[in-house]
Amino acid sequence: MISKLSAASMSIRKSGTRKSAINGGCDFPVDPLQAPPDAPVFWLPQHDTSIVVLGTAPPALPPVDPLPTIDAAISLNLNGSAYVLFDLCNGQHLQLIHDGVTPTAAIVPLGVDGLDRLEAIYRLLAALHGRAIPPDTRLTRQQRARLRRMLQAFDGHRAGATGQEIAQVIFRVDALDRNEWQASSARHAVKALIRDARKMIAGGYRKLLHHRRSS
């Protein structure tokens, strides 16, 4: 169900919520029967630096006219704030947060993470005003490809595949004898993929929500 945030209507509507049978009958934020790839994910702004925090422009700035209409594909109310997934209509989504007041400005902290948020705000403004929307640059194409290989390697390892079997699938290497496999670069690459996948599963995945910046 789509909710609209505008000057006339700022309400967030939810449909089809399920309630916990063992936790006081509270609503689940996400339907527990929904397939994981289809479930909406909401992050806290301290973890995801692409989240745009909306607010009210100070009186010193000229008024926003006309006010943009933000179509919320999916929304959630939490602790008095509205968490919104905004569809940029190019395969990308942005998470927005506002306090229920008509948003007329985006808040950018002056820390280094503000550079990440500026990129997200630019993508939001481009979508709202019909401009070309730039891609999300937090992950390069090469990084995305390696992440896929990490998942493949870890899934194979967890299913009981040997390192060489994993290498044959991921790197298309031929079957090797023991000595050839011990000296193979593919063996070390598979070990590195599994090692890094474990780090991601242990919480390192949150680093993917930030740009990598030198200190």
N, C-alpha and C. Protein backbone atom coordinates (compact mmCIF):
# COMPACT_ATOMS: atom_id res chain seq x y z
N MET A 1 0.84 -1.18 0.00
CA MET A 1 0.00 0.00 0.00
C MET A 1 0.88 1.23 0.00
N ILE A 2 0.56 2.24 -0.80
CA ILE A 2 1.39 3.43 -0.93
C ILE A 2 0.78 4.54 -0.11
N SER A 3 1.63 5.18 0.70
CA SER A 3 1.22 6.34 1.47
C SER A 3 1.88 7.56 0.87
N LYS A 4 1.22 8.71 0.92
CA LYS A 4 1.77 9.95 0.39
C LYS A 4 2.02 10.93 1.51
N LEU A 5 3.18 11.56 1.47
CA LEU A 5 3.53 12.60 2.41
C LEU A 5 3.47 13.92 1.66
N SER A 6 2.61 14.80 2.05
CA SER A 6 2.50 16.10 1.40
C SER A 6 1.99 17.10 2.41
N ALA A 7 1.79 18.33 1.98
CA ALA A 7 1.30 19.36 2.89
C ALA A 7 -0.09 19.00 3.40
N ALA A 8 -0.88 18.32 2.56
CA ALA A 8 -2.25 18.00 2.94
C ALA A 8 -2.34 16.72 3.74
N SER A 9 -1.44 15.80 3.51
CA SER A 9 -1.54 14.50 4.16
C SER A 9 -0.16 14.02 4.57
N MET A 10 0.08 13.88 5.87
CA MET A 10 1.35 13.40 6.38
C MET A 10 1.20 12.09 7.12
N SER A 11 0.04 11.46 7.04
CA SER A 11 -0.19 10.23 7.79
C SER A 11 0.50 9.06 7.10
N ILE A 12 0.92 8.07 7.91
CA ILE A 12 1.52 6.85 7.41
C ILE A 12 0.54 5.73 7.68
N ARG A 13 0.19 5.00 6.65
CA ARG A 13 -0.79 3.93 6.81
C ARG A 13 -0.11 2.60 6.61
N LYS A 14 -0.50 1.63 7.41
CA LYS A 14 0.04 0.28 7.30
C LYS A 14 -1.11 -0.70 7.12
N SER A 15 -0.86 -1.73 6.37
CA SER A 15 -1.91 -2.74 6.16
C SER A 15 -1.32 -4.12 6.32
N GLY A 16 -2.17 -5.06 6.70
CA GLY A 16 -1.75 -6.45 6.74
C GLY A 16 -0.73 -6.75 7.81
N THR A 17 -0.73 -6.01 8.94
CA THR A 17 0.26 -6.28 9.98
C THR A 17 -0.10 -7.56 10.71
N ARG A 18 0.92 -8.29 11.14
CA ARG A 18 0.74 -9.51 11.92
C ARG A 18 1.15 -9.25 13.35
N LYS A 19 0.53 -9.94 14.28
CA LYS A 19 0.80 -9.75 15.69
C LYS A 19 1.47 -10.98 16.28
N SER A 20 2.37 -10.74 17.24
CA SER A 20 3.06 -11.82 17.90
C SER A 20 2.12 -12.50 18.90
N ALA A 21 2.11 -13.83 18.87
CA ALA A 21 1.26 -14.57 19.81
C ALA A 21 1.92 -14.73 21.17
N ILE A 22 3.23 -14.47 21.28
CA ILE A 22 3.94 -14.72 22.54
C ILE A 22 4.59 -13.46 23.09
N ASN A 23 4.41 -12.32 22.42
CA ASN A 23 5.05 -11.09 22.88
C ASN A 23 4.01 -9.99 23.07
N GLY A 24 2.96 -10.32 23.79
CA GLY A 24 1.97 -9.31 24.14
C GLY A 24 1.07 -8.88 23.00
N GLY A 25 1.03 -9.65 21.93
CA GLY A 25 0.17 -9.29 20.81
C GLY A 25 0.65 -8.08 20.03
N CYS A 26 1.95 -7.75 20.12
CA CYS A 26 2.49 -6.59 19.42
C CYS A 26 2.63 -6.88 17.92
N ASP A 27 2.55 -5.81 17.14
CA ASP A 27 2.74 -5.95 15.71
C ASP A 27 4.20 -6.29 15.41
N PHE A 28 4.38 -7.15 14.41
CA PHE A 28 5.72 -7.35 13.86
C PHE A 28 6.02 -6.18 12.93
N PRO A 29 7.23 -5.61 12.97
CA PRO A 29 7.58 -4.56 12.01
C PRO A 29 7.53 -5.06 10.57
N VAL A 30 7.88 -6.34 10.37
CA VAL A 30 7.87 -6.96 9.05
C VAL A 30 7.17 -8.30 9.18
N ASP A 31 6.36 -8.64 8.20
CA ASP A 31 5.65 -9.92 8.20
C ASP A 31 6.66 -11.05 8.29
N PRO A 32 6.64 -11.87 9.37
CA PRO A 32 7.63 -12.94 9.52
C PRO A 32 7.48 -14.05 8.49
N LEU A 33 6.36 -14.09 7.78
CA LEU A 33 6.17 -15.11 6.75
C LEU A 33 6.65 -14.65 5.38
N GLN A 34 7.11 -13.41 5.29
CA GLN A 34 7.58 -12.89 4.02
C GLN A 34 8.97 -13.41 3.69
N ALA A 35 9.21 -13.71 2.42
CA ALA A 35 10.52 -14.19 1.99
C ALA A 35 11.58 -13.12 2.25
N PRO A 36 12.75 -13.50 2.79
CA PRO A 36 13.77 -12.50 3.13
C PRO A 36 14.12 -11.53 2.01
N PRO A 37 14.28 -11.98 0.74
CA PRO A 37 14.63 -11.01 -0.30
C PRO A 37 13.55 -9.95 -0.54
N ASP A 38 12.29 -10.28 -0.16
CA ASP A 38 11.19 -9.35 -0.40
C ASP A 38 10.89 -8.48 0.80
N ALA A 39 11.50 -8.75 1.95
CA ALA A 39 11.18 -8.02 3.17
C ALA A 39 11.86 -6.66 3.18
N PRO A 40 11.15 -5.60 3.51
CA PRO A 40 11.78 -4.28 3.60
C PRO A 40 12.72 -4.22 4.80
N VAL A 41 13.82 -3.53 4.64
CA VAL A 41 14.82 -3.39 5.70
C VAL A 41 14.95 -1.92 6.04
N PHE A 42 14.79 -1.58 7.33
CA PHE A 42 14.98 -0.22 7.80
C PHE A 42 16.21 -0.19 8.71
N TRP A 43 17.12 0.74 8.43
CA TRP A 43 18.33 0.89 9.22
C TRP A 43 18.23 2.12 10.10
N LEU A 44 19.03 2.14 11.16
CA LEU A 44 19.15 3.34 11.97
C LEU A 44 20.14 4.28 11.29
N PRO A 45 19.93 5.58 11.39
CA PRO A 45 20.77 6.54 10.65
C PRO A 45 22.23 6.51 11.06
N GLN A 46 22.53 6.06 12.28
CA GLN A 46 23.94 5.99 12.68
C GLN A 46 24.67 4.85 12.00
N HIS A 47 23.92 3.89 11.44
CA HIS A 47 24.54 2.77 10.74
C HIS A 47 24.59 2.98 9.23
N ASP A 48 23.53 3.55 8.67
CA ASP A 48 23.44 3.73 7.23
C ASP A 48 23.56 5.21 6.91
N THR A 49 24.69 5.60 6.32
CA THR A 49 24.93 7.02 6.06
C THR A 49 24.25 7.50 4.78
N SER A 50 23.49 6.62 4.10
CA SER A 50 22.71 7.08 2.95
C SER A 50 21.30 7.49 3.36
N ILE A 51 20.95 7.34 4.63
CA ILE A 51 19.62 7.73 5.09
C ILE A 51 19.53 9.25 5.09
N VAL A 52 18.43 9.75 4.57
CA VAL A 52 18.19 11.20 4.54
C VAL A 52 17.23 11.55 5.68
N VAL A 53 17.71 12.41 6.58
CA VAL A 53 16.88 12.87 7.69
C VAL A 53 16.25 14.20 7.28
N LEU A 54 14.94 14.22 7.25
CA LEU A 54 14.20 15.41 6.80
C LEU A 54 13.74 16.24 7.99
N GLY A 55 13.58 17.52 7.76
CA GLY A 55 13.11 18.42 8.82
C GLY A 55 12.49 19.66 8.21
N THR A 56 12.41 20.70 9.01
CA THR A 56 11.82 21.97 8.58
C THR A 56 12.92 22.99 8.33
N ALA A 57 12.85 23.67 7.19
CA ALA A 57 13.85 24.67 6.87
C ALA A 57 13.76 25.84 7.84
N PRO A 58 14.88 26.44 8.24
CA PRO A 58 14.85 27.59 9.15
C PRO A 58 14.23 28.80 8.47
N PRO A 59 13.71 29.74 9.25
CA PRO A 59 13.03 30.92 8.68
C PRO A 59 13.93 31.76 7.78
N ALA A 60 15.25 31.69 7.97
CA ALA A 60 16.16 32.50 7.16
C ALA A 60 16.17 32.08 5.70
N LEU A 61 15.73 30.86 5.40
CA LEU A 61 15.70 30.37 4.02
C LEU A 61 14.35 30.66 3.38
N PRO A 62 14.33 30.85 2.06
CA PRO A 62 13.04 31.08 1.39
C PRO A 62 12.16 29.85 1.47
N PRO A 63 10.85 30.04 1.41
CA PRO A 63 9.95 28.87 1.50
C PRO A 63 10.09 27.97 0.29
N VAL A 64 9.82 26.68 0.51
CA VAL A 64 9.83 25.69 -0.57
C VAL A 64 8.47 25.71 -1.25
N ASP A 65 8.45 26.08 -2.52
CA ASP A 65 7.19 26.20 -3.25
C ASP A 65 7.42 25.81 -4.72
N PRO A 66 6.71 24.78 -5.18
CA PRO A 66 5.73 23.98 -4.45
C PRO A 66 6.40 22.93 -3.58
N LEU A 67 5.67 22.50 -2.57
CA LEU A 67 6.19 21.44 -1.72
C LEU A 67 6.23 20.12 -2.49
N PRO A 68 7.34 19.40 -2.44
CA PRO A 68 7.40 18.11 -3.16
C PRO A 68 6.54 17.06 -2.49
N THR A 69 5.99 16.18 -3.28
CA THR A 69 5.22 15.05 -2.76
C THR A 69 6.12 13.82 -2.75
N ILE A 70 6.20 13.17 -1.62
CA ILE A 70 7.05 12.00 -1.46
C ILE A 70 6.16 10.78 -1.37
N ASP A 71 6.25 9.90 -2.35
CA ASP A 71 5.48 8.65 -2.36
C ASP A 71 6.25 7.59 -1.59
N ALA A 72 5.67 7.10 -0.53
CA ALA A 72 6.33 6.09 0.30
C ALA A 72 5.87 4.70 -0.12
N ALA A 73 6.76 3.95 -0.74
CA ALA A 73 6.41 2.58 -1.12
C ALA A 73 6.15 1.74 0.13
N ILE A 74 6.98 1.93 1.16
CA ILE A 74 6.84 1.19 2.41
C ILE A 74 7.18 2.16 3.54
N SER A 75 6.46 2.10 4.63
CA SER A 75 6.71 3.02 5.73
C SER A 75 6.50 2.34 7.06
N LEU A 76 7.10 2.93 8.09
CA LEU A 76 7.05 2.35 9.43
C LEU A 76 7.15 3.48 10.44
N ASN A 77 6.28 3.46 11.46
CA ASN A 77 6.37 4.43 12.55
C ASN A 77 7.13 3.82 13.71
N LEU A 78 8.11 4.55 14.21
CA LEU A 78 8.93 4.04 15.31
C LEU A 78 9.34 5.20 16.20
N ASN A 79 8.93 5.12 17.47
CA ASN A 79 9.30 6.12 18.48
C ASN A 79 8.99 7.54 18.03
N GLY A 80 7.85 7.72 17.40
CA GLY A 80 7.42 9.05 17.00
C GLY A 80 7.99 9.55 15.68
N SER A 81 8.83 8.75 15.04
CA SER A 81 9.39 9.13 13.75
C SER A 81 8.88 8.20 12.67
N ALA A 82 8.75 8.74 11.47
CA ALA A 82 8.32 7.95 10.32
C ALA A 82 9.53 7.52 9.52
N TYR A 83 9.69 6.22 9.32
CA TYR A 83 10.75 5.66 8.48
C TYR A 83 10.12 5.28 7.15
N VAL A 84 10.63 5.83 6.08
CA VAL A 84 10.02 5.71 4.77
C VAL A 84 11.03 5.16 3.77
N LEU A 85 10.62 4.19 2.96
CA LEU A 85 11.42 3.73 1.83
C LEU A 85 10.88 4.42 0.58
N PHE A 86 11.70 5.28 0.01
CA PHE A 86 11.30 6.09 -1.14
C PHE A 86 11.88 5.48 -2.40
N ASP A 87 11.02 5.19 -3.36
CA ASP A 87 11.42 4.56 -4.61
C ASP A 87 11.91 5.63 -5.58
N LEU A 88 13.19 5.54 -5.98
CA LEU A 88 13.74 6.51 -6.93
C LEU A 88 13.38 6.18 -8.37
N CYS A 89 12.67 5.06 -8.58
CA CYS A 89 12.15 4.66 -9.89
C CYS A 89 13.26 4.29 -10.88
N ASN A 90 14.44 3.94 -10.38
CA ASN A 90 15.50 3.46 -11.27
C ASN A 90 16.17 2.23 -10.67
N GLY A 91 15.40 1.50 -9.85
CA GLY A 91 15.95 0.33 -9.18
C GLY A 91 16.57 0.65 -7.84
N GLN A 92 16.62 1.93 -7.47
CA GLN A 92 17.20 2.34 -6.19
C GLN A 92 16.08 2.77 -5.23
N HIS A 93 16.38 2.61 -3.95
CA HIS A 93 15.50 3.12 -2.90
C HIS A 93 16.33 3.96 -1.93
N LEU A 94 15.69 4.94 -1.35
CA LEU A 94 16.32 5.74 -0.29
C LEU A 94 15.46 5.62 0.96
N GLN A 95 16.11 5.50 2.10
CA GLN A 95 15.38 5.54 3.35
C GLN A 95 15.35 6.97 3.85
N LEU A 96 14.16 7.44 4.17
CA LEU A 96 13.96 8.79 4.70
C LEU A 96 13.41 8.70 6.11
N ILE A 97 13.75 9.67 6.93
CA ILE A 97 13.21 9.76 8.29
C ILE A 97 12.70 11.18 8.51
N HIS A 98 11.51 11.29 9.05
CA HIS A 98 10.99 12.61 9.41
C HIS A 98 10.15 12.48 10.67
N ASP A 99 9.85 13.62 11.29
CA ASP A 99 9.15 13.60 12.59
C ASP A 99 7.67 13.89 12.48
N GLY A 100 7.12 13.78 11.28
CA GLY A 100 5.68 13.98 11.10
C GLY A 100 5.30 15.36 10.64
N VAL A 101 6.24 16.32 10.68
CA VAL A 101 5.99 17.66 10.18
C VAL A 101 6.33 17.70 8.70
N THR A 102 5.60 18.52 7.93
CA THR A 102 5.87 18.60 6.50
C THR A 102 7.35 18.89 6.26
N PRO A 103 8.08 17.98 5.60
CA PRO A 103 9.52 18.20 5.41
C PRO A 103 9.80 19.22 4.32
N THR A 104 10.66 20.17 4.65
CA THR A 104 11.06 21.18 3.67
C THR A 104 12.58 21.31 3.57
N ALA A 105 13.32 20.48 4.30
CA ALA A 105 14.77 20.54 4.28
C ALA A 105 15.34 19.19 4.66
N ALA A 106 16.58 18.97 4.30
CA ALA A 106 17.32 17.77 4.70
C ALA A 106 18.46 18.19 5.61
N ILE A 107 18.68 17.40 6.65
CA ILE A 107 19.68 17.73 7.66
C ILE A 107 20.99 17.01 7.35
N VAL A 108 22.06 17.77 7.30
CA VAL A 108 23.38 17.20 7.01
C VAL A 108 24.30 17.50 8.19
N PRO A 109 24.75 16.48 8.94
CA PRO A 109 25.72 16.72 10.01
C PRO A 109 27.07 17.13 9.42
N LEU A 110 27.86 17.84 10.20
CA LEU A 110 29.13 18.36 9.71
C LEU A 110 30.29 17.39 9.90
N GLY A 111 30.02 16.15 10.32
CA GLY A 111 31.06 15.13 10.38
C GLY A 111 31.37 14.61 8.99
N VAL A 112 32.39 13.75 8.90
CA VAL A 112 32.79 13.23 7.59
C VAL A 112 31.68 12.41 6.94
N ASP A 113 30.79 11.81 7.76
CA ASP A 113 29.67 11.06 7.19
C ASP A 113 28.70 11.96 6.45
N GLY A 114 28.77 13.27 6.71
CA GLY A 114 27.92 14.20 5.99
C GLY A 114 28.15 14.16 4.49
N LEU A 115 29.36 13.76 4.06
CA LEU A 115 29.64 13.63 2.63
C LEU A 115 28.80 12.52 2.02
N ASP A 116 28.63 11.41 2.76
CA ASP A 116 27.76 10.33 2.30
C ASP A 116 26.33 10.83 2.17
N ARG A 117 25.87 11.56 3.17
CA ARG A 117 24.48 12.01 3.19
C ARG A 117 24.22 13.03 2.07
N LEU A 118 25.23 13.83 1.75
CA LEU A 118 25.06 14.76 0.63
C LEU A 118 24.80 14.02 -0.67
N GLU A 119 25.50 12.91 -0.89
CA GLU A 119 25.25 12.11 -2.09
C GLU A 119 23.81 11.61 -2.11
N ALA A 120 23.33 11.13 -0.96
CA ALA A 120 21.96 10.62 -0.88
C ALA A 120 20.95 11.74 -1.11
N ILE A 121 21.21 12.91 -0.53
CA ILE A 121 20.30 14.05 -0.72
C ILE A 121 20.26 14.46 -2.19
N TYR A 122 21.41 14.43 -2.85
CA TYR A 122 21.44 14.77 -4.28
C TYR A 122 20.57 13.80 -5.08
N ARG A 123 20.63 12.50 -4.75
CA ARG A 123 19.81 11.52 -5.46
C ARG A 123 18.33 11.77 -5.19
N LEU A 124 18.00 12.14 -3.95
CA LEU A 124 16.60 12.45 -3.62
C LEU A 124 16.12 13.67 -4.39
N LEU A 125 16.91 14.74 -4.41
CA LEU A 125 16.52 15.95 -5.12
C LEU A 125 16.38 15.68 -6.62
N ALA A 126 17.29 14.88 -7.17
CA ALA A 126 17.21 14.55 -8.59
C ALA A 126 15.91 13.83 -8.91
N ALA A 127 15.50 12.90 -8.04
CA ALA A 127 14.26 12.17 -8.25
C ALA A 127 13.05 13.09 -8.11
N LEU A 128 13.07 13.98 -7.13
CA LEU A 128 11.92 14.86 -6.89
C LEU A 128 11.73 15.88 -8.00
N HIS A 129 12.83 16.27 -8.65
CA HIS A 129 12.75 17.35 -9.64
C HIS A 129 13.03 16.88 -11.06
N GLY A 130 12.91 15.56 -11.29
CA GLY A 130 12.98 15.04 -12.65
C GLY A 130 14.34 15.10 -13.29
N ARG A 131 15.40 15.06 -12.51
CA ARG A 131 16.76 15.06 -13.06
C ARG A 131 17.29 13.63 -13.14
N ALA A 132 18.38 13.47 -13.86
CA ALA A 132 19.03 12.15 -13.94
C ALA A 132 19.56 11.77 -12.55
N ILE A 133 19.25 10.55 -12.12
CA ILE A 133 19.62 10.10 -10.77
C ILE A 133 20.96 9.37 -10.84
N PRO A 134 21.97 9.87 -10.15
CA PRO A 134 23.27 9.18 -10.17
C PRO A 134 23.21 7.88 -9.38
N PRO A 135 24.13 6.97 -9.64
CA PRO A 135 24.12 5.69 -8.91
C PRO A 135 24.62 5.85 -7.49
N ASP A 136 24.30 4.87 -6.67
CA ASP A 136 24.84 4.78 -5.32
C ASP A 136 26.29 4.30 -5.44
N THR A 137 27.23 5.10 -4.98
CA THR A 137 28.65 4.80 -5.19
C THR A 137 29.31 4.13 -3.99
N ARG A 138 28.54 3.67 -3.01
CA ARG A 138 29.18 3.06 -1.85
C ARG A 138 29.88 1.75 -2.18
N LEU A 139 29.37 1.05 -3.19
CA LEU A 139 30.00 -0.19 -3.63
C LEU A 139 30.29 -0.10 -5.12
N THR A 140 31.52 -0.44 -5.49
CA THR A 140 31.86 -0.50 -6.91
C THR A 140 31.36 -1.81 -7.50
N ARG A 141 31.41 -1.90 -8.82
CA ARG A 141 31.00 -3.13 -9.49
C ARG A 141 31.88 -4.30 -9.05
N GLN A 142 33.19 -4.02 -8.89
CA GLN A 142 34.11 -5.07 -8.47
C GLN A 142 33.81 -5.54 -7.05
N GLN A 143 33.47 -4.60 -6.17
CA GLN A 143 33.13 -4.98 -4.80
C GLN A 143 31.86 -5.82 -4.76
N ARG A 144 30.88 -5.47 -5.57
CA ARG A 144 29.64 -6.25 -5.62
C ARG A 144 29.92 -7.67 -6.12
N ALA A 145 30.78 -7.78 -7.12
CA ALA A 145 31.12 -9.10 -7.66
C ALA A 145 31.82 -9.95 -6.61
N ARG A 146 32.71 -9.33 -5.84
CA ARG A 146 33.42 -10.10 -4.82
C ARG A 146 32.46 -10.51 -3.69
N LEU A 147 31.53 -9.66 -3.34
CA LEU A 147 30.56 -10.03 -2.32
C LEU A 147 29.73 -11.24 -2.76
N ARG A 148 29.35 -11.27 -4.03
CA ARG A 148 28.61 -12.44 -4.53
C ARG A 148 29.46 -13.70 -4.42
N ARG A 149 30.74 -13.58 -4.74
CA ARG A 149 31.61 -14.75 -4.63
C ARG A 149 31.79 -15.17 -3.18
N MET A 150 31.85 -14.21 -2.28
CA MET A 150 31.95 -14.54 -0.86
C MET A 150 30.75 -15.36 -0.41
N LEU A 151 29.56 -14.94 -0.83
CA LEU A 151 28.35 -15.67 -0.45
C LEU A 151 28.35 -17.07 -1.07
N GLN A 152 28.76 -17.16 -2.33
CA GLN A 152 28.83 -18.47 -2.98
C GLN A 152 29.80 -19.40 -2.25
N ALA A 153 30.97 -18.86 -1.92
CA ALA A 153 32.00 -19.68 -1.26
C ALA A 153 31.52 -20.13 0.11
N PHE A 154 30.91 -19.23 0.87
CA PHE A 154 30.49 -19.60 2.22
C PHE A 154 29.33 -20.59 2.17
N ASP A 155 28.41 -20.38 1.25
CA ASP A 155 27.29 -21.33 1.11
C ASP A 155 27.81 -22.72 0.76
N GLY A 156 28.77 -22.77 -0.16
CA GLY A 156 29.34 -24.06 -0.52
C GLY A 156 30.08 -24.70 0.63
N HIS A 157 30.86 -23.90 1.36
CA HIS A 157 31.59 -24.40 2.53
C HIS A 157 30.64 -24.94 3.58
N ARG A 158 29.57 -24.20 3.85
CA ARG A 158 28.60 -24.63 4.86
C ARG A 158 27.87 -25.90 4.43
N ALA A 159 27.72 -26.08 3.10
CA ALA A 159 27.04 -27.27 2.60
C ALA A 159 27.97 -28.48 2.51
N GLY A 160 29.25 -28.28 2.87
CA GLY A 160 30.17 -29.40 2.90
C GLY A 160 31.06 -29.54 1.68
N ALA A 161 31.03 -28.57 0.77
CA ALA A 161 31.89 -28.65 -0.41
C ALA A 161 33.34 -28.42 -0.01
N THR A 162 34.24 -29.06 -0.71
CA THR A 162 35.66 -28.84 -0.46
C THR A 162 36.09 -27.52 -1.10
N GLY A 163 37.28 -27.05 -0.69
CA GLY A 163 37.78 -25.83 -1.28
C GLY A 163 37.95 -25.94 -2.78
N GLN A 164 38.42 -27.09 -3.25
CA GLN A 164 38.63 -27.26 -4.68
C GLN A 164 37.29 -27.30 -5.43
N GLU A 165 36.28 -27.91 -4.83
CA GLU A 165 34.95 -27.92 -5.46
C GLU A 165 34.40 -26.50 -5.57
N ILE A 166 34.62 -25.70 -4.53
CA ILE A 166 34.17 -24.31 -4.57
C ILE A 166 34.91 -23.55 -5.67
N ALA A 167 36.23 -23.76 -5.78
CA ALA A 167 37.02 -23.09 -6.80
C ALA A 167 36.56 -23.47 -8.20
N GLN A 168 36.18 -24.73 -8.39
CA GLN A 168 35.73 -25.18 -9.72
C GLN A 168 34.45 -24.44 -10.13
N VAL A 169 33.60 -24.13 -9.16
CA VAL A 169 32.35 -23.44 -9.48
C VAL A 169 32.61 -21.94 -9.68
N ILE A 170 33.35 -21.33 -8.77
CA ILE A 170 33.51 -19.87 -8.80
C ILE A 170 34.53 -19.43 -9.84
N PHE A 171 35.67 -20.12 -9.89
CA PHE A 171 36.77 -19.68 -10.76
C PHE A 171 36.91 -20.53 -12.04
N ARG A 172 36.03 -21.54 -12.18
CA ARG A 172 36.05 -22.40 -13.36
C ARG A 172 37.41 -23.07 -13.57
N VAL A 173 38.04 -23.49 -12.49
CA VAL A 173 39.33 -24.18 -12.61
C VAL A 173 39.08 -25.67 -12.83
N ASP A 174 40.02 -26.31 -13.49
CA ASP A 174 39.93 -27.76 -13.71
C ASP A 174 40.30 -28.51 -12.44
N ALA A 175 39.96 -29.79 -12.40
CA ALA A 175 40.34 -30.63 -11.27
C ALA A 175 41.86 -30.72 -11.18
N LEU A 176 42.38 -30.56 -9.95
CA LEU A 176 43.83 -30.57 -9.72
C LEU A 176 44.19 -31.69 -8.77
N ASP A 177 45.41 -32.23 -8.93
CA ASP A 177 45.84 -33.21 -7.92
C ASP A 177 46.26 -32.46 -6.65
N ARG A 178 46.61 -33.22 -5.62
CA ARG A 178 46.85 -32.61 -4.30
C ARG A 178 47.96 -31.57 -4.34
N ASN A 179 49.05 -31.88 -4.97
CA ASN A 179 50.18 -30.94 -5.01
C ASN A 179 49.84 -29.69 -5.82
N GLU A 180 49.16 -29.88 -6.94
CA GLU A 180 48.76 -28.73 -7.74
C GLU A 180 47.80 -27.83 -6.97
N TRP A 181 46.87 -28.46 -6.24
CA TRP A 181 45.91 -27.67 -5.47
C TRP A 181 46.58 -26.90 -4.34
N GLN A 182 47.55 -27.52 -3.67
CA GLN A 182 48.25 -26.83 -2.58
C GLN A 182 48.98 -25.58 -3.08
N ALA A 183 49.46 -25.60 -4.30
CA ALA A 183 50.20 -24.47 -4.86
C ALA A 183 49.32 -23.52 -5.67
N SER A 184 48.03 -23.83 -5.77
CA SER A 184 47.14 -23.06 -6.64
C SER A 184 46.75 -21.73 -6.00
N SER A 185 46.73 -20.68 -6.80
CA SER A 185 46.26 -19.38 -6.32
C SER A 185 44.76 -19.43 -6.01
N ALA A 186 44.02 -20.29 -6.70
CA ALA A 186 42.59 -20.42 -6.44
C ALA A 186 42.33 -20.92 -5.03
N ARG A 187 43.20 -21.78 -4.51
CA ARG A 187 43.04 -22.28 -3.14
C ARG A 187 43.09 -21.11 -2.14
N HIS A 188 44.08 -20.24 -2.31
CA HIS A 188 44.20 -19.11 -1.40
C HIS A 188 43.05 -18.12 -1.59
N ALA A 189 42.57 -17.97 -2.82
CA ALA A 189 41.44 -17.08 -3.08
C ALA A 189 40.18 -17.59 -2.40
N VAL A 190 39.95 -18.91 -2.45
CA VAL A 190 38.77 -19.48 -1.79
C VAL A 190 38.86 -19.29 -0.28
N LYS A 191 40.02 -19.53 0.30
CA LYS A 191 40.20 -19.34 1.74
C LYS A 191 39.91 -17.90 2.13
N ALA A 192 40.37 -16.94 1.31
CA ALA A 192 40.14 -15.53 1.61
C ALA A 192 38.65 -15.18 1.51
N LEU A 193 37.97 -15.76 0.52
CA LEU A 193 36.53 -15.50 0.38
C LEU A 193 35.76 -16.00 1.59
N ILE A 194 36.07 -17.21 2.04
CA ILE A 194 35.36 -17.78 3.19
C ILE A 194 35.69 -16.99 4.46
N ARG A 195 36.96 -16.61 4.62
CA ARG A 195 37.37 -15.81 5.79
C ARG A 195 36.62 -14.48 5.83
N ASP A 196 36.57 -13.79 4.70
CA ASP A 196 35.92 -12.48 4.67
C ASP A 196 34.40 -12.61 4.80
N ALA A 197 33.84 -13.71 4.30
CA ALA A 197 32.41 -13.94 4.45
C ALA A 197 32.05 -14.12 5.92
N ARG A 198 32.90 -14.83 6.65
CA ARG A 198 32.64 -15.00 8.09
C ARG A 198 32.63 -13.65 8.80
N LYS A 199 33.55 -12.77 8.43
CA LYS A 199 33.60 -11.44 9.04
C LYS A 199 32.33 -10.65 8.74
N MET A 200 31.85 -10.77 7.51
CA MET A 200 30.62 -10.07 7.14
C MET A 200 29.44 -10.58 7.96
N ILE A 201 29.35 -11.90 8.09
CA ILE A 201 28.23 -12.50 8.82
C ILE A 201 28.28 -12.11 10.29
N ALA A 202 29.50 -11.92 10.83
CA ALA A 202 29.66 -11.57 12.24
C ALA A 202 29.38 -10.10 12.52
N GLY A 203 28.94 -9.35 11.54
CA GLY A 203 28.59 -7.93 11.75
C GLY A 203 29.31 -6.98 10.83
N GLY A 204 30.30 -7.47 10.10
CA GLY A 204 31.03 -6.60 9.20
C GLY A 204 30.20 -6.07 8.05
N TYR A 205 29.04 -6.69 7.79
CA TYR A 205 28.18 -6.23 6.70
C TYR A 205 27.76 -4.78 6.89
N ARG A 206 27.76 -4.29 8.12
CA ARG A 206 27.36 -2.90 8.36
C ARG A 206 28.32 -1.91 7.71
N LYS A 207 29.56 -2.33 7.48
CA LYS A 207 30.51 -1.44 6.82
C LYS A 207 30.10 -1.15 5.38
N LEU A 208 29.27 -2.01 4.81
CA LEU A 208 28.83 -1.80 3.44
C LEU A 208 27.90 -0.59 3.32
N LEU A 209 27.38 -0.13 4.46
CA LEU A 209 26.45 1.00 4.45
C LEU A 209 27.18 2.34 4.45
N HIS A 210 28.51 2.33 4.50
CA HIS A 210 29.30 3.55 4.52
C HIS A 210 30.23 3.57 3.31
N HIS A 211 30.64 4.76 2.92
CA HIS A 211 31.75 4.87 1.99
C HIS A 211 33.04 4.56 2.73
N ARG A 212 33.98 4.01 2.01
CA ARG A 212 35.30 3.81 2.58
C ARG A 212 36.11 5.10 2.39
N ARG A 213 36.44 5.73 3.49
CA ARG A 213 37.17 6.99 3.41
C ARG A 213 38.44 6.88 4.22
N SER A 214 39.51 7.45 3.69
CA SER A 214 40.77 7.46 4.43
C SER A 214 40.69 8.48 5.55
N SER A 215 41.28 8.13 6.70
CA SER A 215 41.21 9.02 7.86
C SER A 215 42.26 10.12 7.76
